[in-house]
């Protein structure tokens, strides 16, 4: 009986870990990046630095690429950890 309860609770633990890492961690990471960029922009406004149009466009493109790769990274991490946990539990 204890083995069945262990399998069921482990399944829910793996599922909840996967859900948290798939939905919340990327959002939190993007929030941190967004806040960092917002603070950086505030400092630039206070110093009244003016940038050229080309530099701003390059930074915008780089931020978009960083966000895409960050989401891909967290999805891969969640999948790998979930597969490892399932392998440890059931094999």
C-alpha atoms as a PDB file:
ATOM      1  CA  UNK A   1       0.000   0.000   0.000  1.00  0.00           C
ATOM      2  CA  UNK A   2       2.802   2.423   0.812  1.00  0.00           C
ATOM      3  CA  UNK A   3       4.392   1.935  -2.593  1.00  0.00           C
ATOM      4  CA  UNK A   4       1.169   2.936  -4.364  1.00  0.00           C
ATOM      5  CA  UNK A   5       0.798   6.052  -2.238  1.00  0.00           C
ATOM      6  CA  UNK A   6       4.447   6.857  -2.908  1.00  0.00           C
ATOM      7  CA  UNK A   7       3.952   6.524  -6.667  1.00  0.00           C
ATOM      8  CA  UNK A   8       0.863   8.726  -6.622  1.00  0.00           C
ATOM      9  CA  UNK A   9       2.437  11.468  -4.486  1.00  0.00           C
ATOM     10  CA  UNK A  10       5.616  11.353  -6.552  1.00  0.00           C
ATOM     11  CA  UNK A  11       3.620  11.712  -9.757  1.00  0.00           C
ATOM     12  CA  UNK A  12       1.876  14.812  -8.374  1.00  0.00           C
ATOM     13  CA  UNK A  13       5.207  16.201  -7.140  1.00  0.00           C
ATOM     14  CA  UNK A  14       6.791  15.751 -10.577  1.00  0.00           C
ATOM     15  CA  UNK A  15       3.746  17.234 -12.280  1.00  0.00           C
ATOM     16  CA  UNK A  16       3.671  20.246  -9.942  1.00  0.00           C
ATOM     17  CA  UNK A  17       7.430  20.785 -10.377  1.00  0.00           C
ATOM     18  CA  UNK A  18       7.022  20.640 -14.140  1.00  0.00           C
ATOM     19  CA  UNK A  19       4.098  23.091 -14.049  1.00  0.00           C
ATOM     20  CA  UNK A  20       5.986  25.524 -11.827  1.00  0.00           C
ATOM     21  CA  UNK A  21       9.150  25.369 -13.879  1.00  0.00           C
ATOM     22  CA  UNK A  22       7.253  25.625 -17.174  1.00  0.00           C
ATOM     23  CA  UNK A  23       4.937  28.507 -16.245  1.00  0.00           C
ATOM     24  CA  UNK A  24       6.392  30.497 -13.330  1.00  0.00           C
ATOM     25  CA  UNK A  25      10.174  30.401 -13.715  1.00  0.00           C
ATOM     26  CA  UNK A  26      10.249  31.877 -17.229  1.00  0.00           C
ATOM     27  CA  UNK A  27       7.801  34.595 -16.213  1.00  0.00           C
ATOM     28  CA  UNK A  28       9.882  35.418 -13.149  1.00  0.00           C
ATOM     29  CA  UNK A  29      13.058  35.507 -15.224  1.00  0.00           C
ATOM     30  CA  UNK A  30      11.435  37.787 -17.784  1.00  0.00           C
ATOM     31  CA  UNK A  31      10.182  40.023 -14.949  1.00  0.00           C
ATOM     32  CA  UNK A  32      13.732  40.348 -13.592  1.00  0.00           C
ATOM     33  CA  UNK A  33      15.052  41.189 -17.060  1.00  0.00           C
ATOM     34  CA  UNK A  34      12.225  43.687 -17.561  1.00  0.00           C
ATOM     35  CA  UNK A  35      12.916  45.382 -14.231  1.00  0.00           C
ATOM     36  CA  UNK A  36      16.632  45.528 -15.006  1.00  0.00           C
ATOM     37  CA  UNK A  37      15.903  47.178 -18.337  1.00  0.00           C
ATOM     38  CA  UNK A  38      13.434  49.576 -16.725  1.00  0.00           C
ATOM     39  CA  UNK A  39      15.945  50.648 -14.065  1.00  0.00           C
ATOM     40  CA  UNK A  40      18.601  51.015 -16.739  1.00  0.00           C
ATOM     41  CA  UNK A  41      16.279  53.225 -18.784  1.00  0.00           C
ATOM     42  CA  UNK A  42      15.464  55.381 -15.735  1.00  0.00           C
ATOM     43  CA  UNK A  43      19.149  55.935 -15.049  1.00  0.00           C
ATOM     44  CA  UNK A  44      19.681  56.865 -18.680  1.00  0.00           C
ATOM     45  CA  UNK A  45      16.796  59.350 -18.499  1.00  0.00           C
ATOM     46  CA  UNK A  46      18.213  60.936 -15.356  1.00  0.00           C
ATOM     47  CA  UNK A  47      21.612  61.328 -16.979  1.00  0.00           C
ATOM     48  CA  UNK A  48      19.877  62.567 -20.140  1.00  0.00           C
ATOM     49  CA  UNK A  49      21.939  60.397 -22.393  1.00  0.00           C
ATOM     50  CA  UNK A  50      20.780  60.317 -25.944  1.00  0.00           C
ATOM     51  CA  UNK A  51      21.381  57.298 -28.085  1.00  0.00           C
ATOM     52  CA  UNK A  52      21.324  56.963 -31.812  1.00  0.00           C
ATOM     53  CA  UNK A  53      18.444  55.197 -33.534  1.00  0.00           C
ATOM     54  CA  UNK A  54      20.615  52.323 -34.743  1.00  0.00           C
ATOM     55  CA  UNK A  55      21.893  51.498 -31.231  1.00  0.00           C
ATOM     56  CA  UNK A  56      18.362  51.451 -29.817  1.00  0.00           C
ATOM     57  CA  UNK A  57      17.178  49.149 -32.566  1.00  0.00           C
ATOM     58  CA  UNK A  58      20.103  46.767 -31.953  1.00  0.00           C
ATOM     59  CA  UNK A  59      19.382  46.668 -28.202  1.00  0.00           C
ATOM     60  CA  UNK A  60      15.711  45.960 -28.871  1.00  0.00           C
ATOM     61  CA  UNK A  61      16.594  43.062 -31.151  1.00  0.00           C
ATOM     62  CA  UNK A  62      19.079  41.677 -28.627  1.00  0.00           C
ATOM     63  CA  UNK A  63      16.481  41.806 -25.825  1.00  0.00           C
ATOM     64  CA  UNK A  64      13.988  39.909 -27.961  1.00  0.00           C
ATOM     65  CA  UNK A  65      16.548  37.217 -28.720  1.00  0.00           C
ATOM     66  CA  UNK A  66      17.556  36.984 -25.044  1.00  0.00           C
ATOM     67  CA  UNK A  67      13.916  36.449 -24.018  1.00  0.00           C
ATOM     68  CA  UNK A  68      13.404  33.712 -26.597  1.00  0.00           C
ATOM     69  CA  UNK A  69      16.550  31.864 -25.569  1.00  0.00           C
ATOM     70  CA  UNK A  70      15.704  32.254 -21.875  1.00  0.00           C
ATOM     71  CA  UNK A  71      12.270  30.694 -22.393  1.00  0.00           C
ATOM     72  CA  UNK A  72      13.810  27.870 -24.412  1.00  0.00           C
ATOM     73  CA  UNK A  73      16.396  27.293 -21.678  1.00  0.00           C
ATOM     74  CA  UNK A  74      13.762  26.997 -18.919  1.00  0.00           C
ATOM     75  CA  UNK A  75      11.625  24.654 -21.009  1.00  0.00           C
ATOM     76  CA  UNK A  76      14.605  22.383 -21.646  1.00  0.00           C
ATOM     77  CA  UNK A  77      15.612  22.460 -17.965  1.00  0.00           C
ATOM     78  CA  UNK A  78      12.078  21.573 -16.883  1.00  0.00           C
ATOM     79  CA  UNK A  79      11.883  18.687 -19.330  1.00  0.00           C
ATOM     80  CA  UNK A  80      15.280  17.284 -18.391  1.00  0.00           C
ATOM     81  CA  UNK A  81      14.610  17.438 -14.654  1.00  0.00           C
ATOM     82  CA  UNK A  82      11.157  15.918 -15.106  1.00  0.00           C
ATOM     83  CA  UNK A  83      12.577  13.046 -17.173  1.00  0.00           C
ATOM     84  CA  UNK A  84      15.298  12.438 -14.593  1.00  0.00           C
ATOM     85  CA  UNK A  85      12.771  12.419 -11.745  1.00  0.00           C
ATOM     86  CA  UNK A  86      10.469  10.005 -13.572  1.00  0.00           C
ATOM     87  CA  UNK A  87      13.423   7.752 -14.392  1.00  0.00           C
ATOM     88  CA  UNK A  88      14.574   7.726 -10.759  1.00  0.00           C
ATOM     89  CA  UNK A  89      11.076   7.011  -9.474  1.00  0.00           C
ATOM     90  CA  UNK A  90       9.946   4.299 -11.838  1.00  0.00           C
ATOM     91  CA  UNK A  91      13.185   2.521 -12.764  1.00  0.00           C
END
